[in-house]
Amino acid sequence: MSMRAFGTTGLVMVLGLAACAPQERQEEQAETIAAAAVSGIPATTSMESALAHFREGQQLADNGRGLEAKAAFLRAVEADPDFARGYLEVANNANSAAEFKEYMDLARAHSANASEGERILIEINMAFFENNVDSALALAEELVAEYPSAPRAWLTLAGVYTGLDRIAEAREQMNKALELDPELPIAHTTLGFSYLFNDPKDFGAAVRHLQQVVDLRPEEPQAHVNLGDAYRGGQDLEAARQAYGRAAELDPNNEMAVFSIALLKRGHVNSFLGRYDEARGDYDRALEVAKPQQKSTYANYRAFTWVHAGEPQAAVDELGRIVETAADVTPADQVNGVKIFTLTNIAQIAMHHGMNDIAEHAVQHRNELALAEAQKTGDEDFVRAQQAGNAYWEALAAARRGDFSSARMKAEENARLLEPDANPRKLEPYHDVLGLVALLQGDFQGAIDHYNQANPNNIYTRYHLGLAHEGAGNLTEAREIFRYVFENNFNSVGFALVRKDAEERMM
């Protein structure tokens, strides 16, 4: 399971940043082998072969081919065991928190001979790992001051602003990167995704930027997948299906691990259209050819078809089988990550539908695995953050079973554990829990107040904000929120749980 899907707020921010930050484009000419400039930020190695593998990995990562990118970065550090930047990029493509920490420690240990830019990039990633977003922002500002002509420096700063949900400022930095290099694909991808996933959304702008990537890299299948996502966000499901089909054509044997992604995405579209048998067929075909790192995660989305169809027990049963068989189909270092993801989905489905015994068991199992994985890192702050995450899930389960006192206590525990962190968004889970408690007790204004301080990008949370407005009699606001939720068109367990109800309530 990729680190991009691993839990905890701080690490999610690291990985969101990794998509656009310390990834350098291959240049036509190297200035020197000792400190070759890659988009203006030096990549320091004395080995030409290491630099070649590094550049290969950066290009693959830019094109959304993370599995191949990681392999290239591993070849880079094998060629030069002192290559700090290579270890950083292996970490950014890691499959678990423990692996991320292992390679970040190696990057730090070999940073003495690295460039100033590389040292800053390493410290930015560690700041996110430690949930110290204030430090990450200061470091990113230092990076752009040191390398003002480097597009990737500005994308790094954009990633930090995105993590802070300061979207207007993030887009300013993305546009600065494009001013410096109008044909840098990752800059167009990053800006396209910003318009696609962050408010205020602009699906037309998302299509334009992601189409630009297709124009620049027409033979890269992931570019067509991303364009399909933009069409899907803008409600053009047929154009999305066509884009996914083109992606599949470009990787017919799944050598680039994109054929399976394209079929997975087409399965999402069929799920939204109510074509559940067709969706399951797409998911089955994706699973047949998926890489071992993909199989169990992809199988979760097949189970979501039952949620969309209003059959939660069938979904829980299928997800339970994924937990039982994860070790048979998943690389050993990713098994617990897959189980955590799947158990989280079981817990959310069960809580939503009042299946409290199933929810309690899933949360307990999930939390045990999550804490064990965090402890493998040997980092006390990361363990503390995971304990906070566990308290959050225990709080939600308590609220759903009507034990509001325990829910509040666990919410307070979550906030107390996160108190040392320099992250202005650290209380969002706390307010999410208290919003649910207020909603379930009929305190609609209290729910509105708390949900307005929760994660604005969580579609399930946004739906509950709509319920609170509806309960308070704010019908215009409620319907706008329900329409926003229904038109989200990006598959997750939360979206599967509320999509149909949001459609009915938005009328």
Protein backbone atom coordinates (compact mmCIF):
# COMPACT_ATOMS: atom_id res chain seq x y z
CA MET A 1 0.00 0.00 0.00
CA SER A 2 1.48 3.34 -1.03
CA MET A 3 2.32 5.91 1.60
CA ARG A 4 -0.04 8.21 -0.27
CA ALA A 5 -2.90 6.27 1.28
CA PHE A 6 -1.39 5.87 4.75
CA GLY A 7 -3.19 7.42 7.71
CA THR A 8 -2.60 10.41 10.01
CA THR A 9 -2.97 14.04 9.07
CA GLY A 10 0.69 14.97 9.14
CA LEU A 11 1.74 12.14 6.86
CA VAL A 12 -1.04 12.81 4.40
CA MET A 13 0.35 16.33 4.11
CA VAL A 14 3.84 14.96 3.50
CA LEU A 15 2.56 12.82 0.70
CA GLY A 16 0.40 15.47 -0.85
CA LEU A 17 3.50 17.63 -0.95
CA ALA A 18 5.52 14.79 -2.41
CA ALA A 19 3.38 14.83 -5.53
CA CYS A 20 4.73 18.22 -6.52
CA ALA A 21 7.60 19.23 -4.28
CA PRO A 22 11.00 17.54 -4.24
CA GLN A 23 10.67 16.06 -7.71
CA GLU A 24 12.97 17.46 -10.32
CA ARG A 25 12.61 17.44 -14.08
CA GLN A 26 15.32 15.92 -16.26
CA GLU A 27 17.33 18.70 -17.87
CA GLU A 28 18.88 18.58 -21.32
CA GLN A 29 22.34 19.43 -19.97
CA ALA A 30 23.96 18.68 -16.62
CA GLU A 31 26.00 21.53 -15.16
CA THR A 32 28.30 19.17 -13.24
CA ILE A 33 27.99 15.66 -11.89
CA ALA A 34 28.92 16.81 -8.38
CA ALA A 35 25.97 19.20 -8.16
CA ALA A 36 23.87 18.92 -11.27
CA ALA A 37 21.06 21.48 -11.45
CA VAL A 38 17.62 19.94 -11.78
CA SER A 39 15.06 22.70 -12.26
CA GLY A 40 17.39 24.98 -10.32
CA ILE A 41 17.75 22.91 -7.12
CA PRO A 42 21.01 20.91 -7.15
CA ALA A 43 20.95 17.12 -6.95
CA THR A 44 24.26 16.28 -5.33
CA THR A 45 26.00 13.04 -6.28
CA SER A 46 29.46 12.11 -7.48
CA MET A 47 28.14 9.20 -9.56
CA GLU A 48 26.84 9.80 -13.06
CA SER A 49 24.82 6.58 -12.96
CA ALA A 50 23.11 7.68 -9.72
CA LEU A 51 22.16 10.99 -11.28
CA ALA A 52 20.79 9.21 -14.36
CA HIS A 53 18.62 6.92 -12.21
CA PHE A 54 17.49 9.90 -10.13
CA ARG A 55 16.39 11.81 -13.23
CA GLU A 56 14.62 8.74 -14.55
CA GLY A 57 12.77 8.43 -11.25
CA GLN A 58 11.77 12.09 -11.26
CA GLN A 59 10.35 11.84 -14.76
CA LEU A 60 8.43 8.69 -13.85
CA ALA A 61 7.10 10.32 -10.68
CA ASP A 62 6.05 13.38 -12.70
CA ASN A 63 4.09 11.09 -14.98
CA GLY A 64 2.28 9.39 -12.10
CA ARG A 65 4.19 6.12 -12.30
CA GLY A 66 5.10 5.80 -8.65
CA LEU A 67 6.00 2.11 -8.55
CA GLU A 68 8.55 2.51 -11.33
CA ALA A 69 9.80 5.77 -9.84
CA LYS A 70 10.56 4.14 -6.51
CA ALA A 71 12.55 1.40 -8.25
CA ALA A 72 14.59 4.02 -10.10
CA PHE A 73 15.32 5.93 -6.90
CA LEU A 74 16.44 2.71 -5.23
CA ARG A 75 18.83 2.15 -8.13
CA ALA A 76 20.12 5.69 -7.59
CA VAL A 77 21.04 5.09 -3.93
CA GLU A 78 22.47 1.69 -4.81
CA ALA A 79 24.80 3.42 -7.29
CA ASP A 80 25.69 6.10 -4.72
CA PRO A 81 25.01 5.09 -1.10
CA ASP A 82 25.79 8.68 -0.01
CA PHE A 83 23.06 10.24 -2.21
CA ALA A 84 20.80 12.05 0.27
CA ARG A 85 18.34 13.24 -2.39
CA GLY A 86 17.88 9.68 -3.61
CA TYR A 87 16.91 8.50 -0.12
CA LEU A 88 14.47 11.42 0.15
CA GLU A 89 12.68 10.33 -3.02
CA VAL A 90 12.53 6.69 -1.93
CA ALA A 91 10.88 7.94 1.25
CA ASN A 92 8.36 9.98 -0.75
CA ASN A 93 7.33 6.78 -2.54
CA ALA A 94 7.40 4.55 0.55
CA ASN A 95 4.75 1.94 1.32
CA SER A 96 4.49 2.42 5.07
CA ALA A 97 5.25 4.92 7.80
CA ALA A 98 8.16 2.80 8.97
CA GLU A 99 9.69 2.72 5.49
CA PHE A 100 9.18 6.47 5.11
CA LYS A 101 10.97 7.13 8.41
CA GLU A 102 13.77 4.67 7.56
CA TYR A 103 14.64 6.45 4.32
CA MET A 104 14.16 9.92 5.76
CA ASP A 105 16.69 9.00 8.46
CA LEU A 106 19.08 7.89 5.70
CA ALA A 107 18.50 11.14 3.83
CA ARG A 108 19.31 13.13 6.96
CA ALA A 109 22.33 10.98 7.75
CA HIS A 110 23.84 11.67 4.30
CA SER A 111 22.87 15.34 4.05
CA ALA A 112 26.25 16.76 5.06
CA ASN A 113 27.44 16.80 1.45
CA ALA A 114 24.04 17.67 -0.02
CA SER A 115 23.11 21.07 -1.41
CA GLU A 116 21.29 23.62 0.72
CA GLY A 117 18.13 23.04 -1.32
CA GLU A 118 18.26 19.32 -0.69
CA ARG A 119 18.72 19.83 3.03
CA ILE A 120 15.71 22.15 3.09
CA LEU A 121 13.59 19.61 1.17
CA ILE A 122 14.53 16.90 3.65
CA GLU A 123 13.61 19.08 6.61
CA ILE A 124 10.29 20.09 5.02
CA ASN A 125 9.31 16.43 4.74
CA MET A 126 10.33 15.74 8.32
CA ALA A 127 8.38 18.78 9.51
CA PHE A 128 5.23 17.36 7.95
CA PHE A 129 5.98 13.94 9.43
CA GLU A 130 6.13 15.61 12.84
CA ASN A 131 2.94 17.61 12.11
CA ASN A 132 4.91 20.86 12.41
CA VAL A 133 3.33 22.78 9.56
CA ASP A 134 4.58 26.15 10.81
CA SER A 135 8.15 24.89 10.39
CA ALA A 136 7.34 23.44 6.97
CA LEU A 137 6.03 26.82 5.82
CA ALA A 138 9.10 28.69 7.07
CA LEU A 139 11.38 26.17 5.34
CA ALA A 140 9.44 26.37 2.07
CA GLU A 141 9.69 30.16 2.12
CA GLU A 142 13.42 29.78 2.70
CA LEU A 143 13.59 27.45 -0.30
CA VAL A 144 12.00 29.91 -2.73
CA ALA A 145 14.23 32.70 -1.39
CA GLU A 146 17.27 30.51 -2.04
CA TYR A 147 16.09 29.26 -5.45
CA PRO A 148 13.70 31.88 -6.88
CA SER A 149 14.17 30.65 -10.46
CA ALA A 150 13.38 27.00 -9.63
CA PRO A 151 9.77 26.05 -10.50
CA ARG A 152 9.87 23.11 -8.09
CA ALA A 153 10.69 25.40 -5.19
CA TRP A 154 7.48 27.33 -5.82
CA LEU A 155 5.55 24.05 -6.13
CA THR A 156 6.96 23.02 -2.77
CA LEU A 157 5.63 26.20 -1.20
CA ALA A 158 2.31 25.60 -2.96
CA GLY A 159 2.16 22.16 -1.38
CA VAL A 160 2.56 23.62 2.09
CA TYR A 161 -0.15 26.21 1.48
CA THR A 162 -2.44 23.44 0.20
CA GLY A 163 -1.83 21.47 3.39
CA LEU A 164 -2.87 24.57 5.31
CA ASP A 165 -5.98 24.90 3.12
CA ARG A 166 -4.76 28.32 1.97
CA ILE A 167 -5.77 27.55 -1.59
CA ALA A 168 -5.58 31.01 -3.17
CA GLU A 169 -1.98 31.38 -1.99
CA ALA A 170 -1.17 27.85 -3.14
CA ARG A 171 -2.40 28.63 -6.65
CA GLU A 172 -0.33 31.79 -6.76
CA GLN A 173 2.80 29.69 -6.22
CA MET A 174 1.71 27.15 -8.83
CA ASN A 175 1.25 29.92 -11.36
CA LYS A 176 4.71 31.29 -10.53
CA ALA A 177 6.12 27.86 -11.32
CA LEU A 178 4.32 27.90 -14.68
CA GLU A 179 5.62 31.39 -15.43
CA LEU A 180 9.13 30.02 -14.98
CA ASP A 181 8.45 26.92 -17.09
CA PRO A 182 5.14 26.95 -19.03
CA GLU A 183 5.76 23.41 -20.28
CA LEU A 184 6.48 21.74 -16.95
CA PRO A 185 3.92 18.91 -16.82
CA ILE A 186 3.90 18.50 -13.04
CA ALA A 187 3.05 22.19 -12.61
CA HIS A 188 0.01 21.81 -14.86
CA THR A 189 -0.95 18.60 -13.06
CA THR A 190 -0.65 20.22 -9.65
CA LEU A 191 -2.71 23.26 -10.64
CA GLY A 192 -5.27 21.06 -12.41
CA PHE A 193 -5.70 18.94 -9.30
CA SER A 194 -6.03 22.06 -7.18
CA TYR A 195 -8.96 23.26 -9.29
CA LEU A 196 -10.40 19.75 -9.25
CA PHE A 197 -10.25 19.00 -5.54
CA ASN A 198 -9.95 22.26 -3.59
CA ASP A 199 -12.48 25.04 -3.11
CA PRO A 200 -13.14 27.19 -4.98
CA LYS A 201 -13.26 24.51 -7.66
CA ASP A 202 -13.09 25.28 -11.37
CA PHE A 203 -13.59 22.16 -13.46
CA GLY A 204 -13.04 24.03 -16.72
CA ALA A 205 -9.62 25.17 -15.49
CA ALA A 206 -8.86 21.64 -14.30
CA VAL A 207 -9.64 20.26 -17.76
CA ARG A 208 -7.49 22.92 -19.45
CA HIS A 209 -4.43 22.22 -17.33
CA LEU A 210 -4.73 18.45 -17.44
CA GLN A 211 -5.37 18.56 -21.20
CA GLN A 212 -2.12 20.53 -21.44
CA VAL A 213 -0.32 17.61 -19.79
CA VAL A 214 -1.87 15.23 -22.32
CA ASP A 215 -0.66 17.53 -25.11
CA LEU A 216 2.84 17.58 -23.63
CA ARG A 217 2.94 13.84 -22.87
CA PRO A 218 0.38 12.16 -25.19
CA GLU A 219 1.86 8.69 -24.74
CA GLU A 220 1.76 8.80 -20.93
CA PRO A 221 -1.36 6.88 -19.87
CA GLN A 222 -1.63 8.48 -16.43
CA ALA A 223 -2.06 11.88 -18.09
CA HIS A 224 -5.25 10.56 -19.73
CA VAL A 225 -6.44 9.14 -16.40
CA ASN A 226 -5.99 12.55 -14.78
CA LEU A 227 -7.89 14.22 -17.63
CA GLY A 228 -10.67 11.69 -17.12
CA ASP A 229 -10.83 12.70 -13.47
CA ALA A 230 -11.27 16.34 -14.48
CA TYR A 231 -14.12 15.44 -16.82
CA ARG A 232 -15.68 13.35 -14.06
CA GLY A 233 -15.51 16.26 -11.63
CA GLY A 234 -17.27 18.43 -14.20
CA GLN A 235 -20.09 15.86 -14.59
CA ASP A 236 -19.04 14.82 -18.11
CA LEU A 237 -19.02 11.11 -17.36
CA GLU A 238 -18.94 10.00 -20.98
CA ALA A 239 -15.81 12.06 -21.70
CA ALA A 240 -14.32 10.57 -18.55
CA ARG A 241 -15.03 7.03 -19.75
CA GLN A 242 -13.34 7.82 -23.07
CA ALA A 243 -10.26 9.24 -21.37
CA TYR A 244 -9.95 6.18 -19.16
CA GLY A 245 -10.35 3.98 -22.22
CA ARG A 246 -7.49 5.80 -23.97
CA ALA A 247 -5.30 5.34 -20.88
CA ALA A 248 -6.01 1.60 -20.94
CA GLU A 249 -5.07 1.42 -24.62
CA LEU A 250 -1.68 2.99 -23.86
CA ASP A 251 -0.85 0.39 -21.19
CA PRO A 252 -2.58 -2.79 -22.45
CA ASN A 253 -0.46 -5.18 -20.36
CA ASN A 254 -0.46 -3.04 -17.20
CA GLU A 255 3.31 -2.72 -17.40
CA MET A 256 3.03 0.85 -16.11
CA ALA A 257 0.30 -0.09 -13.58
CA VAL A 258 -2.09 2.31 -15.34
CA PHE A 259 -4.36 -0.14 -17.22
CA SER A 260 -5.67 -1.35 -13.87
CA ILE A 261 -6.15 2.23 -12.64
CA ALA A 262 -8.07 3.15 -15.78
CA LEU A 263 -10.45 0.22 -15.32
CA LEU A 264 -10.80 1.05 -11.64
CA LYS A 265 -11.83 4.60 -12.51
CA ARG A 266 -14.28 3.39 -15.13
CA GLY A 267 -15.73 1.19 -12.41
CA HIS A 268 -16.27 4.31 -10.31
CA VAL A 269 -18.19 5.94 -13.15
CA ASN A 270 -20.39 2.89 -13.60
CA SER A 271 -21.03 2.85 -9.83
CA PHE A 272 -22.24 6.46 -9.97
CA LEU A 273 -24.45 5.60 -12.94
CA GLY A 274 -26.03 2.72 -11.02
CA ARG A 275 -24.53 0.11 -13.35
CA TYR A 276 -23.31 -2.05 -10.51
CA ASP A 277 -22.77 -5.27 -12.47
CA GLU A 278 -20.72 -3.36 -15.06
CA ALA A 279 -18.79 -1.65 -12.28
CA ARG A 280 -17.95 -4.98 -10.64
CA GLY A 281 -16.85 -6.28 -14.03
CA ASP A 282 -14.48 -3.34 -14.41
CA TYR A 283 -13.12 -3.84 -10.90
CA ASP A 284 -12.66 -7.57 -11.52
CA ARG A 285 -10.70 -6.91 -14.70
CA ALA A 286 -8.58 -4.33 -12.87
CA LEU A 287 -7.85 -6.83 -10.11
CA GLU A 288 -6.85 -9.53 -12.57
CA VAL A 289 -3.91 -7.47 -13.84
CA ALA A 290 -3.19 -5.26 -10.83
CA LYS A 291 0.26 -5.19 -9.28
CA PRO A 292 0.56 -6.83 -5.84
CA GLN A 293 0.82 -3.36 -4.30
CA GLN A 294 -2.58 -2.47 -5.78
CA LYS A 295 -4.77 -5.53 -5.36
CA SER A 296 -6.21 -5.29 -1.86
CA THR A 297 -6.67 -1.53 -2.02
CA TYR A 298 -8.49 -1.79 -5.35
CA ALA A 299 -10.66 -4.57 -3.98
CA ASN A 300 -12.08 -2.09 -1.45
CA TYR A 301 -13.66 -0.12 -4.28
CA ARG A 302 -15.37 -3.23 -5.62
CA ALA A 303 -16.95 -3.61 -2.18
CA PHE A 304 -18.15 0.00 -2.33
CA THR A 305 -20.57 -0.98 -5.13
CA TRP A 306 -22.69 -2.65 -2.44
CA VAL A 307 -22.67 0.60 -0.43
CA HIS A 308 -23.81 2.57 -3.47
CA ALA A 309 -26.52 -0.05 -4.02
CA GLY A 310 -27.77 0.25 -0.42
CA GLU A 311 -26.54 -3.16 0.77
CA PRO A 312 -24.12 -2.36 3.62
CA GLN A 313 -23.92 -5.89 5.02
CA ALA A 314 -22.74 -7.22 1.66
CA ALA A 315 -20.08 -4.51 1.61
CA VAL A 316 -18.92 -5.32 5.14
CA ASP A 317 -18.75 -9.03 4.31
CA GLU A 318 -16.66 -8.41 1.20
CA LEU A 319 -14.35 -6.03 3.02
CA GLY A 320 -13.94 -8.58 5.81
CA ARG A 321 -12.71 -11.12 3.26
CA ILE A 322 -10.14 -8.56 2.05
CA VAL A 323 -8.78 -8.25 5.59
CA GLU A 324 -8.59 -12.04 5.91
CA THR A 325 -6.76 -12.53 2.60
CA ALA A 326 -4.56 -9.42 2.56
CA ALA A 327 -1.42 -11.34 3.52
CA ASP A 328 -1.95 -13.74 0.60
CA VAL A 329 -1.89 -11.08 -2.14
CA THR A 330 -0.07 -8.07 -0.66
CA PRO A 331 3.68 -7.49 -0.14
CA ALA A 332 4.53 -8.22 3.48
CA ASP A 333 5.52 -4.65 4.38
CA GLN A 334 2.15 -3.35 3.18
CA VAL A 335 -0.22 -5.89 4.73
CA ASN A 336 -1.00 -3.89 7.86
CA GLY A 337 -1.50 -0.71 5.83
CA VAL A 338 -4.06 -2.47 3.66
CA LYS A 339 -5.81 -3.89 6.70
CA ILE A 340 -5.96 -0.45 8.36
CA PHE A 341 -7.49 1.07 5.21
CA THR A 342 -10.04 -1.74 4.90
CA LEU A 343 -10.96 -1.82 8.59
CA THR A 344 -11.45 1.96 8.52
CA ASN A 345 -13.92 1.50 5.67
CA ILE A 346 -15.73 -1.28 7.54
CA ALA A 347 -15.96 0.91 10.63
CA GLN A 348 -17.39 3.87 8.73
CA ILE A 349 -19.99 1.77 6.92
CA ALA A 350 -21.02 0.03 10.13
CA MET A 351 -21.24 3.25 12.15
CA HIS A 352 -23.31 4.97 9.46
CA HIS A 353 -25.81 2.12 9.38
CA GLY A 354 -26.04 1.51 13.13
CA MET A 355 -24.16 -1.79 13.00
CA ASN A 356 -22.48 -0.93 16.29
CA ASP A 357 -20.97 -4.30 17.24
CA ILE A 358 -19.26 -4.56 13.84
CA ALA A 359 -18.08 -0.95 14.13
CA GLU A 360 -16.62 -1.49 17.61
CA HIS A 361 -14.70 -4.57 16.51
CA ALA A 362 -13.39 -2.87 13.36
CA VAL A 363 -12.25 0.24 15.25
CA GLN A 364 -10.47 -1.85 17.89
CA HIS A 365 -8.69 -3.99 15.28
CA ARG A 366 -7.86 -0.94 13.16
CA ASN A 367 -6.42 0.98 16.09
CA GLU A 368 -4.25 -1.91 17.28
CA LEU A 369 -2.68 -2.23 13.83
CA ALA A 370 -2.31 1.52 13.35
CA LEU A 371 -0.51 1.94 16.66
CA ALA A 372 1.76 -1.03 15.93
CA GLU A 373 2.69 0.45 12.56
CA ALA A 374 3.40 3.84 14.12
CA GLN A 375 5.62 2.25 16.76
CA LYS A 376 7.76 0.73 14.02
CA THR A 377 8.96 4.22 13.14
CA GLY A 378 10.54 4.70 16.55
CA ASP A 379 9.33 8.31 16.46
CA GLU A 380 7.54 9.40 19.65
CA ASP A 381 5.73 12.30 17.98
CA PHE A 382 4.42 10.08 15.22
CA VAL A 383 3.22 7.52 17.76
CA ARG A 384 1.48 10.31 19.65
CA ALA A 385 -0.22 11.47 16.45
CA GLN A 386 -1.44 7.94 15.81
CA GLN A 387 -2.78 7.69 19.34
CA ALA A 388 -4.70 10.89 18.60
CA GLY A 389 -6.09 9.33 15.45
CA ASN A 390 -7.15 6.26 17.38
CA ALA A 391 -8.95 8.44 19.94
CA TYR A 392 -10.80 10.12 17.07
CA TRP A 393 -12.15 6.80 15.75
CA GLU A 394 -13.10 5.68 19.25
CA ALA A 395 -14.94 8.97 19.71
CA LEU A 396 -16.93 8.53 16.51
CA ALA A 397 -17.90 4.97 17.47
CA ALA A 398 -19.02 6.14 20.91
CA ALA A 399 -21.13 8.93 19.40
CA ARG A 400 -22.81 6.57 16.97
CA ARG A 401 -23.81 4.19 19.76
CA GLY A 402 -25.25 7.14 21.73
CA ASP A 403 -22.53 7.33 24.40
CA PHE A 404 -22.03 11.07 24.03
CA SER A 405 -20.08 11.47 27.26
CA SER A 406 -17.43 8.99 26.11
CA ALA A 407 -17.38 10.59 22.67
CA ARG A 408 -16.60 13.99 24.18
CA MET A 409 -13.92 12.50 26.42
CA LYS A 410 -12.23 10.83 23.46
CA ALA A 411 -12.48 14.05 21.45
CA GLU A 412 -10.74 15.88 24.29
CA GLU A 413 -8.08 13.16 24.34
CA ASN A 414 -7.52 13.67 20.61
CA ALA A 415 -7.11 17.42 21.09
CA ARG A 416 -4.81 16.98 24.10
CA LEU A 417 -2.53 14.58 22.23
CA LEU A 418 -2.24 16.97 19.29
CA GLU A 419 -1.76 20.08 21.44
CA PRO A 420 2.06 20.16 21.03
CA ASP A 421 1.82 20.21 17.23
CA ALA A 422 2.41 23.45 15.33
CA ASN A 423 -0.46 22.84 12.93
CA PRO A 424 -3.37 25.29 12.71
CA ARG A 425 -5.63 22.50 11.42
CA LYS A 426 -4.95 20.07 14.25
CA LEU A 427 -8.39 20.54 15.88
CA GLU A 428 -10.41 19.60 12.79
CA PRO A 429 -11.00 15.98 13.97
CA TYR A 430 -12.02 17.28 17.40
CA HIS A 431 -14.66 19.53 15.86
CA ASP A 432 -15.80 16.71 13.56
CA VAL A 433 -16.61 14.57 16.59
CA LEU A 434 -18.33 17.37 18.50
CA GLY A 435 -20.30 18.28 15.39
CA LEU A 436 -21.61 14.72 15.17
CA VAL A 437 -22.47 14.66 18.88
CA ALA A 438 -24.43 17.90 18.56
CA LEU A 439 -26.19 16.71 15.40
CA LEU A 440 -27.26 13.40 16.95
CA GLN A 441 -28.59 15.28 19.99
CA GLY A 442 -30.60 17.70 17.85
CA ASP A 443 -28.42 20.73 18.60
CA PHE A 444 -28.30 21.83 14.97
CA GLN A 445 -26.69 25.24 15.47
CA GLY A 446 -24.02 23.67 17.66
CA ALA A 447 -23.40 21.09 14.94
CA ILE A 448 -23.08 23.85 12.33
CA ASP A 449 -20.59 25.73 14.51
CA HIS A 450 -18.39 22.65 14.97
CA TYR A 451 -18.63 21.34 11.40
CA ASN A 452 -17.59 24.74 10.12
CA GLN A 453 -14.30 24.17 11.98
CA ALA A 454 -13.83 20.59 10.76
CA ASN A 455 -12.07 19.45 7.58
CA PRO A 456 -13.76 21.37 4.74
CA ASN A 457 -12.49 18.88 2.15
CA ASN A 458 -14.05 15.79 3.74
CA ILE A 459 -17.18 15.03 1.70
CA TYR A 460 -18.73 12.96 4.50
CA THR A 461 -18.25 15.84 6.94
CA ARG A 462 -19.69 18.27 4.38
CA TYR A 463 -22.80 16.07 4.08
CA HIS A 464 -23.32 16.20 7.84
CA LEU A 465 -22.98 19.97 7.76
CA GLY A 466 -25.86 19.86 5.26
CA LEU A 467 -27.92 17.76 7.68
CA ALA A 468 -27.27 20.31 10.42
CA HIS A 469 -28.41 23.19 8.21
CA GLU A 470 -31.49 21.22 7.20
CA GLY A 471 -32.32 20.54 10.85
CA ALA A 472 -31.87 24.22 11.67
CA GLY A 473 -34.30 25.19 8.91
CA ASN A 474 -31.62 26.69 6.66
CA LEU A 475 -32.99 24.89 3.62
CA THR A 476 -31.27 26.95 0.92
CA GLU A 477 -27.85 26.39 2.49
CA ALA A 478 -28.64 22.71 3.06
CA ARG A 479 -29.64 22.09 -0.56
CA GLU A 480 -26.52 23.82 -1.85
CA ILE A 481 -24.38 21.58 0.33
CA PHE A 482 -26.23 18.42 -0.73
CA ARG A 483 -25.80 19.36 -4.39
CA TYR A 484 -22.09 19.91 -3.78
CA VAL A 485 -21.85 16.48 -2.16
CA PHE A 486 -23.83 14.69 -4.88
CA GLU A 487 -21.76 16.24 -7.66
CA ASN A 488 -18.45 15.34 -6.01
CA ASN A 489 -18.06 12.24 -8.24
CA PHE A 490 -14.93 10.96 -6.50
CA ASN A 491 -15.25 7.57 -4.91
CA SER A 492 -14.65 6.99 -1.22
CA VAL A 493 -16.51 5.10 1.44
CA GLY A 494 -17.94 8.37 2.76
CA PHE A 495 -19.20 9.41 -0.68
CA ALA A 496 -20.68 5.97 -1.30
CA LEU A 497 -22.58 6.21 1.98
CA VAL A 498 -24.22 9.58 1.32
CA ARG A 499 -24.41 10.11 -2.46
CA LYS A 500 -27.98 8.87 -2.97
CA ASP A 501 -29.34 10.60 0.10
CA ALA A 502 -27.66 13.84 -0.90
CA GLU A 503 -29.31 13.58 -4.33
CA GLU A 504 -32.75 13.23 -2.73
CA ARG A 505 -32.20 16.07 -0.26
CA MET A 506 -30.84 18.57 -2.79
CA MET A 507 -34.18 18.79 -4.60
